[in-house]
Amino acid sequence: MVSLAMAVVYLLAFVVPPVLVGVVGTKAALSARYEAPPAVARDKAGDLPAPPRHDLDKPTAVRLLGLALAGLIGRLLGPATKRFRRSPKAKSA
């Protein structure tokens, strides 16, 4: 039981200080790099125009990328999945 307690103490002694130093150091580095916006920018944030309405007929980047990837996957996997496709002449039982 004593050896288990000593193992836990040693583990905490070697793990906790580096983690604390890393957290404090990262927080200090990031707070110096990213400062808060000036008060003028915060005051003008309410003056922004409303975003445009979403047009369902206009293709978005996600839809275009999805179509491109679907075509690519179809070309890559097409020969491998050809035997699993049903022919239009096949009759179901």
N, C-alpha and C. Protein backbone atom coordinates (compact mmCIF):
# COMPACT_ATOMS: atom_id res chain seq x y z
N MET A 1 0.81 -1.19 0.00
CA MET A 1 0.00 0.00 0.00
C MET A 1 0.86 1.26 0.00
N VAL A 2 1.97 1.18 0.74
CA VAL A 2 2.87 2.32 0.81
C VAL A 2 3.53 2.56 -0.54
N SER A 3 3.86 1.47 -1.25
CA SER A 3 4.52 1.64 -2.54
C SER A 3 3.56 2.25 -3.56
N LEU A 4 2.27 1.93 -3.46
CA LEU A 4 1.29 2.53 -4.35
C LEU A 4 1.17 4.02 -4.08
N ALA A 5 1.16 4.40 -2.81
CA ALA A 5 1.08 5.82 -2.46
C ALA A 5 2.32 6.56 -2.93
N MET A 6 3.48 5.93 -2.80
CA MET A 6 4.72 6.57 -3.27
C MET A 6 4.71 6.70 -4.80
N ALA A 7 4.17 5.70 -5.49
CA ALA A 7 4.10 5.78 -6.95
C ALA A 7 3.19 6.92 -7.39
N VAL A 8 2.08 7.09 -6.70
CA VAL A 8 1.16 8.19 -7.02
C VAL A 8 1.83 9.53 -6.75
N VAL A 9 2.54 9.65 -5.64
CA VAL A 9 3.21 10.90 -5.31
C VAL A 9 4.28 11.23 -6.35
N TYR A 10 5.06 10.23 -6.75
CA TYR A 10 6.09 10.47 -7.76
C TYR A 10 5.46 10.83 -9.11
N LEU A 11 4.39 10.16 -9.45
CA LEU A 11 3.70 10.46 -10.71
C LEU A 11 3.19 11.89 -10.70
N LEU A 12 2.56 12.30 -9.62
CA LEU A 12 2.07 13.67 -9.52
C LEU A 12 3.22 14.68 -9.52
N ALA A 13 4.33 14.32 -8.89
CA ALA A 13 5.46 15.24 -8.83
C ALA A 13 6.08 15.47 -10.20
N PHE A 14 6.04 14.45 -11.06
CA PHE A 14 6.64 14.60 -12.38
C PHE A 14 5.65 15.01 -13.46
N VAL A 15 4.36 14.92 -13.20
CA VAL A 15 3.36 15.27 -14.22
C VAL A 15 2.76 16.65 -13.98
N VAL A 16 2.39 16.97 -12.76
CA VAL A 16 1.67 18.21 -12.47
C VAL A 16 2.50 19.47 -12.76
N PRO A 17 3.76 19.58 -12.32
CA PRO A 17 4.49 20.82 -12.60
C PRO A 17 4.66 21.13 -14.09
N PRO A 18 5.05 20.16 -14.94
CA PRO A 18 5.15 20.52 -16.37
C PRO A 18 3.81 20.93 -16.98
N VAL A 19 2.73 20.29 -16.55
CA VAL A 19 1.42 20.66 -17.08
C VAL A 19 1.06 22.07 -16.64
N LEU A 20 1.29 22.40 -15.39
CA LEU A 20 1.00 23.75 -14.91
C LEU A 20 1.84 24.80 -15.62
N VAL A 21 3.13 24.51 -15.80
CA VAL A 21 4.01 25.45 -16.52
C VAL A 21 3.52 25.63 -17.95
N GLY A 22 3.11 24.54 -18.59
CA GLY A 22 2.60 24.63 -19.96
C GLY A 22 1.34 25.45 -20.06
N VAL A 23 0.42 25.25 -19.13
CA VAL A 23 -0.84 25.99 -19.16
C VAL A 23 -0.60 27.47 -18.91
N VAL A 24 0.18 27.78 -17.89
CA VAL A 24 0.45 29.19 -17.57
C VAL A 24 1.23 29.85 -18.69
N GLY A 25 2.22 29.15 -19.23
CA GLY A 25 3.01 29.74 -20.31
C GLY A 25 2.21 29.97 -21.57
N THR A 26 1.35 29.02 -21.91
CA THR A 26 0.51 29.18 -23.10
C THR A 26 -0.47 30.32 -22.92
N LYS A 27 -1.05 30.42 -21.74
CA LYS A 27 -2.00 31.49 -21.50
C LYS A 27 -1.32 32.86 -21.57
N ALA A 28 -0.12 32.95 -21.02
CA ALA A 28 0.61 34.23 -21.06
C ALA A 28 1.01 34.58 -22.50
N ALA A 29 1.43 33.58 -23.28
CA ALA A 29 1.83 33.85 -24.65
C ALA A 29 0.65 34.27 -25.51
N LEU A 30 -0.48 33.60 -25.33
CA LEU A 30 -1.65 33.92 -26.14
C LEU A 30 -2.28 35.24 -25.74
N SER A 31 -2.27 35.56 -24.46
CA SER A 31 -2.87 36.83 -24.04
C SER A 31 -2.04 38.01 -24.54
N ALA A 32 -0.74 37.84 -24.66
CA ALA A 32 0.09 38.93 -25.18
C ALA A 32 -0.08 39.06 -26.69
N ARG A 33 -0.31 37.96 -27.36
CA ARG A 33 -0.42 38.00 -28.82
C ARG A 33 -1.78 38.50 -29.27
N TYR A 34 -2.83 38.06 -28.62
CA TYR A 34 -4.18 38.43 -29.02
C TYR A 34 -4.76 39.40 -28.01
N GLU A 35 -4.68 40.64 -28.33
CA GLU A 35 -5.21 41.63 -27.41
C GLU A 35 -6.66 41.94 -27.78
N ALA A 36 -7.38 42.49 -26.85
CA ALA A 36 -8.79 42.80 -27.07
C ALA A 36 -8.93 43.91 -28.09
N PRO A 37 -10.00 43.93 -28.85
CA PRO A 37 -10.19 45.00 -29.83
C PRO A 37 -10.44 46.33 -29.12
N PRO A 38 -10.09 47.41 -29.77
CA PRO A 38 -10.31 48.71 -29.13
C PRO A 38 -11.80 48.97 -28.94
N ALA A 39 -12.09 49.91 -28.06
CA ALA A 39 -13.49 50.22 -27.72
C ALA A 39 -14.25 50.73 -28.94
N VAL A 40 -13.58 51.42 -29.85
CA VAL A 40 -14.25 51.95 -31.04
C VAL A 40 -14.78 50.80 -31.89
N ALA A 41 -14.00 49.73 -32.05
CA ALA A 41 -14.44 48.59 -32.85
C ALA A 41 -15.61 47.88 -32.18
N ARG A 42 -15.59 47.80 -30.87
CA ARG A 42 -16.71 47.15 -30.16
C ARG A 42 -17.99 47.98 -30.30
N ASP A 43 -17.87 49.30 -30.32
CA ASP A 43 -19.05 50.15 -30.44
C ASP A 43 -19.65 50.08 -31.84
N LYS A 44 -18.82 49.95 -32.87
CA LYS A 44 -19.31 49.93 -34.25
C LYS A 44 -19.81 48.55 -34.67
N ALA A 45 -19.65 47.55 -33.83
CA ALA A 45 -20.08 46.20 -34.20
C ALA A 45 -21.59 46.13 -34.39
N GLY A 46 -22.34 46.97 -33.73
CA GLY A 46 -23.79 46.96 -33.87
C GLY A 46 -24.26 47.64 -35.14
N ASP A 47 -23.39 48.35 -35.85
CA ASP A 47 -23.77 49.09 -37.04
C ASP A 47 -23.62 48.27 -38.32
N LEU A 48 -23.35 46.99 -38.22
CA LEU A 48 -23.15 46.17 -39.41
C LEU A 48 -24.48 45.91 -40.11
N PRO A 49 -24.47 45.81 -41.44
CA PRO A 49 -25.72 45.51 -42.15
C PRO A 49 -26.13 44.06 -41.92
N ALA A 50 -27.38 43.79 -42.17
CA ALA A 50 -27.89 42.42 -42.01
C ALA A 50 -27.28 41.53 -43.10
N PRO A 51 -27.02 40.28 -42.79
CA PRO A 51 -26.46 39.38 -43.80
C PRO A 51 -27.49 39.11 -44.89
N PRO A 52 -27.03 38.84 -46.11
CA PRO A 52 -27.99 38.59 -47.19
C PRO A 52 -28.75 37.28 -46.97
N ARG A 53 -29.94 37.21 -47.54
CA ARG A 53 -30.75 36.00 -47.40
C ARG A 53 -30.10 34.87 -48.19
N HIS A 54 -30.29 33.66 -47.73
CA HIS A 54 -29.72 32.50 -48.40
C HIS A 54 -30.56 32.16 -49.63
N ASP A 55 -29.90 32.08 -50.78
CA ASP A 55 -30.56 31.73 -52.02
C ASP A 55 -30.42 30.24 -52.24
N LEU A 56 -31.52 29.50 -52.21
CA LEU A 56 -31.46 28.04 -52.34
C LEU A 56 -31.08 27.60 -53.75
N ASP A 57 -31.30 28.45 -54.74
CA ASP A 57 -30.97 28.07 -56.11
C ASP A 57 -29.49 28.26 -56.42
N LYS A 58 -28.81 29.04 -55.62
CA LYS A 58 -27.40 29.31 -55.86
C LYS A 58 -26.56 28.22 -55.21
N PRO A 59 -25.69 27.55 -55.98
CA PRO A 59 -24.89 26.47 -55.38
C PRO A 59 -23.85 27.03 -54.40
N THR A 60 -23.75 26.38 -53.28
CA THR A 60 -22.78 26.79 -52.28
C THR A 60 -21.51 25.97 -52.44
N ALA A 61 -20.47 26.36 -51.74
CA ALA A 61 -19.19 25.66 -51.83
C ALA A 61 -19.31 24.22 -51.34
N VAL A 62 -20.12 24.00 -50.33
CA VAL A 62 -20.27 22.64 -49.79
C VAL A 62 -20.96 21.74 -50.81
N ARG A 63 -21.99 22.26 -51.46
CA ARG A 63 -22.67 21.45 -52.47
C ARG A 63 -21.77 21.17 -53.65
N LEU A 64 -21.02 22.17 -54.11
CA LEU A 64 -20.13 21.95 -55.24
C LEU A 64 -19.03 20.96 -54.90
N LEU A 65 -18.47 21.07 -53.71
CA LEU A 65 -17.43 20.14 -53.29
C LEU A 65 -18.00 18.74 -53.14
N GLY A 66 -19.20 18.63 -52.61
CA GLY A 66 -19.83 17.32 -52.48
C GLY A 66 -20.07 16.66 -53.82
N LEU A 67 -20.51 17.44 -54.80
CA LEU A 67 -20.73 16.88 -56.13
C LEU A 67 -19.41 16.45 -56.76
N ALA A 68 -18.36 17.25 -56.57
CA ALA A 68 -17.06 16.91 -57.15
C ALA A 68 -16.51 15.64 -56.50
N LEU A 69 -16.64 15.53 -55.19
CA LEU A 69 -16.13 14.34 -54.51
C LEU A 69 -16.96 13.11 -54.86
N ALA A 70 -18.26 13.28 -55.03
CA ALA A 70 -19.11 12.14 -55.40
C ALA A 70 -18.72 11.62 -56.78
N GLY A 71 -18.43 12.52 -57.70
CA GLY A 71 -17.99 12.09 -59.03
C GLY A 71 -16.65 11.39 -58.98
N LEU A 72 -15.74 11.90 -58.19
CA LEU A 72 -14.42 11.29 -58.07
C LEU A 72 -14.51 9.91 -57.43
N ILE A 73 -15.29 9.79 -56.39
CA ILE A 73 -15.44 8.49 -55.73
C ILE A 73 -16.13 7.50 -56.66
N GLY A 74 -17.09 7.99 -57.42
CA GLY A 74 -17.76 7.12 -58.38
C GLY A 74 -16.80 6.59 -59.43
N ARG A 75 -15.88 7.44 -59.88
CA ARG A 75 -14.89 6.98 -60.88
C ARG A 75 -13.87 6.04 -60.26
N LEU A 76 -13.49 6.30 -59.00
CA LEU A 76 -12.49 5.44 -58.37
C LEU A 76 -13.05 4.09 -57.98
N LEU A 77 -14.27 4.08 -57.44
CA LEU A 77 -14.86 2.85 -56.96
C LEU A 77 -15.77 2.19 -57.99
N GLY A 78 -16.01 2.85 -59.10
CA GLY A 78 -16.91 2.31 -60.10
C GLY A 78 -16.54 0.91 -60.56
N PRO A 79 -15.30 0.68 -61.00
CA PRO A 79 -14.95 -0.67 -61.44
C PRO A 79 -15.03 -1.70 -60.32
N ALA A 80 -14.74 -1.32 -59.10
CA ALA A 80 -14.74 -2.27 -57.99
C ALA A 80 -16.16 -2.65 -57.59
N THR A 81 -17.12 -1.76 -57.79
CA THR A 81 -18.49 -2.05 -57.36
C THR A 81 -19.38 -2.44 -58.53
N LYS A 82 -18.80 -2.65 -59.69
CA LYS A 82 -19.61 -2.96 -60.87
C LYS A 82 -20.38 -4.27 -60.69
N ARG A 83 -19.79 -5.24 -60.03
CA ARG A 83 -20.45 -6.52 -59.88
C ARG A 83 -21.62 -6.46 -58.90
N PHE A 84 -21.69 -5.42 -58.05
CA PHE A 84 -22.77 -5.31 -57.09
C PHE A 84 -23.97 -4.54 -57.64
N ARG A 85 -23.80 -3.91 -58.78
CA ARG A 85 -24.91 -3.13 -59.38
C ARG A 85 -25.90 -4.08 -60.03
N ARG A 86 -27.15 -3.68 -60.01
CA ARG A 86 -28.17 -4.48 -60.67
C ARG A 86 -28.30 -3.99 -62.11
N SER A 87 -28.43 -4.90 -63.01
CA SER A 87 -28.65 -4.52 -64.40
C SER A 87 -30.12 -4.16 -64.58
N PRO A 88 -30.43 -3.28 -65.52
CA PRO A 88 -31.83 -2.89 -65.71
C PRO A 88 -32.69 -4.06 -66.22
N LYS A 89 -32.08 -5.08 -66.79
CA LYS A 89 -32.84 -6.20 -67.32
C LYS A 89 -33.16 -7.25 -66.25
N ALA A 90 -32.50 -7.15 -65.10
CA ALA A 90 -32.71 -8.16 -64.05
C ALA A 90 -34.09 -8.01 -63.46
N LYS A 91 -34.70 -9.13 -63.15
CA LYS A 91 -36.03 -9.14 -62.55
C LYS A 91 -35.90 -9.52 -61.07
N SER A 92 -36.65 -8.84 -60.26
CA SER A 92 -36.61 -9.18 -58.83
C SER A 92 -37.60 -10.31 -58.57
N ALA A 93 -37.27 -11.13 -57.59
CA ALA A 93 -38.09 -12.31 -57.31
C ALA A 93 -39.32 -11.98 -56.52
